[in-house]
Amino acid sequence: MPYRTLDDLPENVKNVLPKHAQEIYRAAFNNAWDEYKDPEERKGHASREETAHKVAWAAVKKEYEKVGDEWRRKS
């Protein structure tokens, strides 16, 4: 279930990440959704959706870090 817009993202993403980080999340999720469609491409017994969310959060964490309750761009 790729996300067409930022408004389609899960609440736990929209409510905590700045817009740019949401864009990263959306792009990474959609890419991983396509890339890991075959179960043999995924680790363990993770679902396609679970894998895509993990990839998306990892992409966000490359450029952003959580400081207290806020996500900030790494300097």
Protein backbone atom coordinates (compact mmCIF):
# COMPACT_ATOMS: atom_id res chain seq x y z
CA MET A 1 0.00 0.00 0.00
CA PRO A 2 2.27 2.80 -1.18
CA TYR A 3 1.53 6.29 0.07
CA ARG A 4 0.41 8.73 -2.63
CA THR A 5 0.62 11.87 -0.47
CA LEU A 6 2.03 12.94 2.88
CA ASP A 7 -1.53 13.08 4.21
CA ASP A 8 -1.78 9.33 3.62
CA LEU A 9 1.12 8.57 5.99
CA PRO A 10 0.39 6.90 9.36
CA GLU A 11 -0.47 9.26 12.22
CA ASN A 12 2.68 8.27 14.15
CA VAL A 13 4.73 9.56 11.21
CA LYS A 14 2.72 12.70 10.38
CA ASN A 15 2.47 13.81 14.00
CA VAL A 16 6.16 13.56 14.86
CA LEU A 17 8.28 14.14 11.76
CA PRO A 18 8.96 17.48 10.05
CA LYS A 19 7.73 17.75 6.46
CA HIS A 20 11.10 16.97 4.85
CA ALA A 21 11.50 13.86 7.00
CA GLN A 22 7.97 12.80 6.01
CA GLU A 23 8.99 13.14 2.37
CA ILE A 24 12.01 10.91 3.00
CA TYR A 25 9.82 8.39 4.82
CA ARG A 26 7.24 8.30 2.01
CA ALA A 27 9.84 7.88 -0.74
CA ALA A 28 11.74 5.16 1.13
CA PHE A 29 8.56 3.29 2.05
CA ASN A 30 7.27 3.32 -1.52
CA ASN A 31 10.63 2.19 -2.88
CA ALA A 32 10.90 -0.63 -0.33
CA TRP A 33 7.30 -1.66 -1.02
CA ASP A 34 8.32 -2.33 -4.61
CA GLU A 35 11.77 -3.73 -3.86
CA TYR A 36 10.67 -6.26 -1.22
CA LYS A 37 7.47 -7.54 -2.85
CA ASP A 38 8.90 -11.07 -3.02
CA PRO A 39 9.00 -12.81 0.40
CA GLU A 40 12.44 -14.29 -0.30
CA GLU A 41 13.84 -10.74 -0.50
CA ARG A 42 12.82 -10.03 3.11
CA LYS A 43 14.55 -11.08 6.31
CA GLY A 44 12.83 -13.62 8.52
CA HIS A 45 9.08 -13.71 8.36
CA ALA A 46 8.55 -9.95 8.11
CA SER A 47 5.60 -8.83 6.04
CA ARG A 48 6.03 -6.58 3.05
CA GLU A 49 4.51 -3.68 4.98
CA GLU A 50 6.65 -4.25 8.08
CA THR A 51 9.80 -4.36 5.96
CA ALA A 52 8.85 -1.15 4.12
CA HIS A 53 8.24 0.68 7.42
CA LYS A 54 11.62 -0.47 8.78
CA VAL A 55 13.38 0.74 5.64
CA ALA A 56 11.53 4.07 5.80
CA TRP A 57 12.48 4.73 9.42
CA ALA A 58 16.11 3.81 8.68
CA ALA A 59 16.14 6.32 5.82
CA VAL A 60 14.77 9.05 8.08
CA LYS A 61 17.36 8.26 10.77
CA LYS A 62 20.19 8.82 8.27
CA GLU A 63 19.29 12.52 8.08
CA TYR A 64 17.34 13.16 11.28
CA GLU A 65 17.79 12.40 14.95
CA LYS A 66 15.37 12.50 17.83
CA VAL A 67 16.27 15.08 20.44
CA GLY A 68 13.88 14.80 23.35
CA ASP A 69 10.44 14.64 21.73
CA GLU A 70 11.53 16.40 18.55
CA TRP A 71 13.07 15.13 15.30
CA ARG A 72 15.87 17.42 14.09
CA ARG A 73 18.03 17.36 11.00
CA LYS A 74 21.56 16.17 11.69
CA SER A 75 24.23 18.81 11.26
